[in-house]
Amino acid sequence: MAHIVKRLPSIHPLPRLPKVLGRRNLMIGPLPSSSAKLVSPHFNFMNNLSTWLPKNKKCGKNEKFYECGTACEPTCNVQPGPCTDQCVMSVCQCKSGYKRGPDGCQLPGPEPEPPYKN
């Protein structure tokens, strides 16, 4: 007796979603693609290049909340270099004119003089 074999249509796998643990919604594993949308009562979803941030996060002194902040926030001890246009979602960053230092956002001091060259 001959068996008839039917070819099933191809099935696209679902994106791998992060595992969420307990009330704190700790995430392990890779983030889903940016086209996926997750809803949580405790956390906002960030794009696949960012992290999770509590919705009730308060910004510190001289900080401002940005829905789409820079991935290259200016700091007091690192000279600015090339930066990507990567958006860091739902983040507190230093207000304009301030730089990130060891004690939070502060007004930058005088720039160090360039090294002496012969």
C-alpha atoms as a PDB file:
ATOM      1  CA  MET A   1       0.000   0.000   0.000  1.00  0.00           C
ATOM      2  CA  ALA A   2       1.428   3.364  -1.007  1.00  0.00           C
ATOM      3  CA  HIS A   3       1.635   6.187   1.506  1.00  0.00           C
ATOM      4  CA  ILE A   4       0.685   9.659   0.421  1.00  0.00           C
ATOM      5  CA  VAL A   5       2.969  12.351   1.784  1.00  0.00           C
ATOM      6  CA  LYS A   6       1.702  15.919   1.879  1.00  0.00           C
ATOM      7  CA  ARG A   7       4.084  18.809   2.195  1.00  0.00           C
ATOM      8  CA  LEU A   8       3.082  21.102   5.036  1.00  0.00           C
ATOM      9  CA  PRO A   9       3.333  24.875   4.540  1.00  0.00           C
ATOM     10  CA  SER A  10       6.460  26.425   6.013  1.00  0.00           C
ATOM     11  CA  ILE A  11       5.990  27.883   9.450  1.00  0.00           C
ATOM     12  CA  HIS A  12       7.983  30.890  10.587  1.00  0.00           C
ATOM     13  CA  PRO A  13       9.198  30.524  14.180  1.00  0.00           C
ATOM     14  CA  LEU A  14       8.032  33.036  16.747  1.00  0.00           C
ATOM     15  CA  PRO A  15      10.668  35.464  18.066  1.00  0.00           C
ATOM     16  CA  ARG A  16      12.341  34.323  21.269  1.00  0.00           C
ATOM     17  CA  LEU A  17      10.971  36.456  24.091  1.00  0.00           C
ATOM     18  CA  PRO A  18      12.809  37.171  27.351  1.00  0.00           C
ATOM     19  CA  LYS A  19      11.948  35.103  30.401  1.00  0.00           C
ATOM     20  CA  VAL A  20      10.431  37.175  33.183  1.00  0.00           C
ATOM     21  CA  LEU A  21      10.931  36.171  36.808  1.00  0.00           C
ATOM     22  CA  GLY A  22       8.755  37.137  39.764  1.00  0.00           C
ATOM     23  CA  ARG A  23       7.297  40.509  40.686  1.00  0.00           C
ATOM     24  CA  ARG A  24      10.438  42.448  39.847  1.00  0.00           C
ATOM     25  CA  ASN A  25      10.233  41.259  36.255  1.00  0.00           C
ATOM     26  CA  LEU A  26      13.912  40.460  35.963  1.00  0.00           C
ATOM     27  CA  MET A  27      14.820  39.646  32.407  1.00  0.00           C
ATOM     28  CA  ILE A  28      17.139  36.923  31.239  1.00  0.00           C
ATOM     29  CA  GLY A  29      17.860  35.980  27.661  1.00  0.00           C
ATOM     30  CA  PRO A  30      17.867  38.099  24.518  1.00  0.00           C
ATOM     31  CA  LEU A  31      15.369  40.853  23.941  1.00  0.00           C
ATOM     32  CA  PRO A  32      12.768  40.436  21.221  1.00  0.00           C
ATOM     33  CA  SER A  33      13.045  42.396  18.006  1.00  0.00           C
ATOM     34  CA  SER A  34      12.073  46.060  18.081  1.00  0.00           C
ATOM     35  CA  SER A  35       8.889  45.197  16.189  1.00  0.00           C
ATOM     36  CA  ALA A  36       7.629  43.226  19.189  1.00  0.00           C
ATOM     37  CA  LYS A  37       5.681  45.066  21.868  1.00  0.00           C
ATOM     38  CA  LEU A  38       5.575  43.940  25.484  1.00  0.00           C
ATOM     39  CA  VAL A  39       3.307  45.372  28.142  1.00  0.00           C
ATOM     40  CA  SER A  40       4.031  45.107  31.853  1.00  0.00           C
ATOM     41  CA  PRO A  41       2.463  46.886  34.817  1.00  0.00           C
ATOM     42  CA  HIS A  42       5.910  47.471  36.329  1.00  0.00           C
ATOM     43  CA  PHE A  43       8.293  48.069  33.449  1.00  0.00           C
ATOM     44  CA  ASN A  44       8.548  49.803  30.095  1.00  0.00           C
ATOM     45  CA  PHE A  45       9.890  47.809  27.165  1.00  0.00           C
ATOM     46  CA  MET A  46      13.062  49.111  25.566  1.00  0.00           C
ATOM     47  CA  ASN A  47      14.321  48.367  22.089  1.00  0.00           C
ATOM     48  CA  ASN A  48      16.661  45.444  21.523  1.00  0.00           C
ATOM     49  CA  LEU A  49      19.753  47.579  22.232  1.00  0.00           C
ATOM     50  CA  SER A  50      18.618  48.802  25.624  1.00  0.00           C
ATOM     51  CA  THR A  51      17.446  47.557  29.007  1.00  0.00           C
ATOM     52  CA  TRP A  52      14.296  47.560  31.111  1.00  0.00           C
ATOM     53  CA  LEU A  53      13.576  50.569  33.322  1.00  0.00           C
ATOM     54  CA  PRO A  54      10.915  50.867  36.048  1.00  0.00           C
ATOM     55  CA  LYS A  55       8.026  53.153  35.055  1.00  0.00           C
ATOM     56  CA  ASN A  56       8.240  55.048  38.342  1.00  0.00           C
ATOM     57  CA  LYS A  57      11.966  55.843  37.904  1.00  0.00           C
ATOM     58  CA  LYS A  58      12.756  59.343  39.152  1.00  0.00           C
ATOM     59  CA  CYS A  59      15.640  61.309  37.700  1.00  0.00           C
ATOM     60  CA  GLY A  60      18.344  62.671  39.991  1.00  0.00           C
ATOM     61  CA  LYS A  61      19.607  66.198  40.527  1.00  0.00           C
ATOM     62  CA  ASN A  62      20.516  67.970  37.248  1.00  0.00           C
ATOM     63  CA  GLU A  63      19.095  65.045  35.246  1.00  0.00           C
ATOM     64  CA  LYS A  64      16.259  65.035  32.746  1.00  0.00           C
ATOM     65  CA  PHE A  65      14.071  62.155  31.551  1.00  0.00           C
ATOM     66  CA  TYR A  66      14.394  61.329  27.853  1.00  0.00           C
ATOM     67  CA  GLU A  67      12.152  58.892  25.989  1.00  0.00           C
ATOM     68  CA  CYS A  68      14.994  58.513  23.487  1.00  0.00           C
ATOM     69  CA  GLY A  69      18.342  59.524  24.987  1.00  0.00           C
ATOM     70  CA  THR A  70      21.830  59.365  23.549  1.00  0.00           C
ATOM     71  CA  ALA A  71      24.018  56.268  23.830  1.00  0.00           C
ATOM     72  CA  CYS A  72      27.020  58.603  24.277  1.00  0.00           C
ATOM     73  CA  GLU A  73      26.181  60.823  27.228  1.00  0.00           C
ATOM     74  CA  PRO A  74      28.988  63.364  27.856  1.00  0.00           C
ATOM     75  CA  THR A  75      31.150  62.574  30.885  1.00  0.00           C
ATOM     76  CA  CYS A  76      33.688  64.602  32.838  1.00  0.00           C
ATOM     77  CA  ASN A  77      36.596  62.218  32.359  1.00  0.00           C
ATOM     78  CA  VAL A  78      36.185  60.945  28.799  1.00  0.00           C
ATOM     79  CA  GLN A  79      36.755  63.067  25.709  1.00  0.00           C
ATOM     80  CA  PRO A  80      33.861  62.851  23.242  1.00  0.00           C
ATOM     81  CA  GLY A  81      34.499  60.558  20.325  1.00  0.00           C
ATOM     82  CA  PRO A  82      32.512  59.007  17.522  1.00  0.00           C
ATOM     83  CA  CYS A  83      29.001  58.055  18.542  1.00  0.00           C
ATOM     84  CA  THR A  84      26.193  56.065  16.991  1.00  0.00           C
ATOM     85  CA  ASP A  85      22.648  57.323  16.563  1.00  0.00           C
ATOM     86  CA  GLN A  86      21.495  54.555  18.896  1.00  0.00           C
ATOM     87  CA  CYS A  87      18.445  55.547  20.921  1.00  0.00           C
ATOM     88  CA  VAL A  88      18.533  54.637  24.611  1.00  0.00           C
ATOM     89  CA  MET A  89      14.881  54.428  25.573  1.00  0.00           C
ATOM     90  CA  SER A  90      13.384  55.825  28.802  1.00  0.00           C
ATOM     91  CA  VAL A  91      16.569  57.078  30.423  1.00  0.00           C
ATOM     92  CA  CYS A  92      17.630  59.810  32.827  1.00  0.00           C
ATOM     93  CA  GLN A  93      20.567  61.784  31.457  1.00  0.00           C
ATOM     94  CA  CYS A  94      22.327  65.008  32.410  1.00  0.00           C
ATOM     95  CA  LYS A  95      20.602  68.266  31.562  1.00  0.00           C
ATOM     96  CA  SER A  96      22.099  70.474  28.862  1.00  0.00           C
ATOM     97  CA  GLY A  97      25.443  71.945  29.964  1.00  0.00           C
ATOM     98  CA  TYR A  98      26.061  69.229  32.577  1.00  0.00           C
ATOM     99  CA  LYS A  99      28.298  66.172  32.288  1.00  0.00           C
ATOM    100  CA  ARG A 100      28.165  62.806  34.038  1.00  0.00           C
ATOM    101  CA  GLY A 101      30.738  62.608  36.841  1.00  0.00           C
ATOM    102  CA  PRO A 102      31.440  60.281  39.758  1.00  0.00           C
ATOM    103  CA  ASP A 103      28.860  62.122  41.884  1.00  0.00           C
ATOM    104  CA  GLY A 104      26.138  62.427  39.235  1.00  0.00           C
ATOM    105  CA  CYS A 105      25.528  65.277  36.805  1.00  0.00           C
ATOM    106  CA  GLN A 106      27.705  68.327  37.391  1.00  0.00           C
ATOM    107  CA  LEU A 107      28.903  71.414  35.592  1.00  0.00           C
ATOM    108  CA  PRO A 108      32.212  70.619  33.920  1.00  0.00           C
ATOM    109  CA  GLY A 109      35.350  72.252  35.285  1.00  0.00           C
ATOM    110  CA  PRO A 110      37.988  73.944  33.162  1.00  0.00           C
ATOM    111  CA  GLU A 111      39.273  71.790  30.337  1.00  0.00           C
ATOM    112  CA  PRO A 112      42.771  70.404  30.929  1.00  0.00           C
ATOM    113  CA  GLU A 113      45.491  71.971  28.814  1.00  0.00           C
ATOM    114  CA  PRO A 114      46.782  69.855  25.950  1.00  0.00           C
ATOM    115  CA  PRO A 115      50.091  68.074  26.625  1.00  0.00           C
ATOM    116  CA  TYR A 116      53.225  70.081  25.835  1.00  0.00           C
ATOM    117  CA  LYS A 117      54.796  69.162  22.483  1.00  0.00           C
ATOM    118  CA  ASN A 118      58.412  69.918  21.447  1.00  0.00           C
END
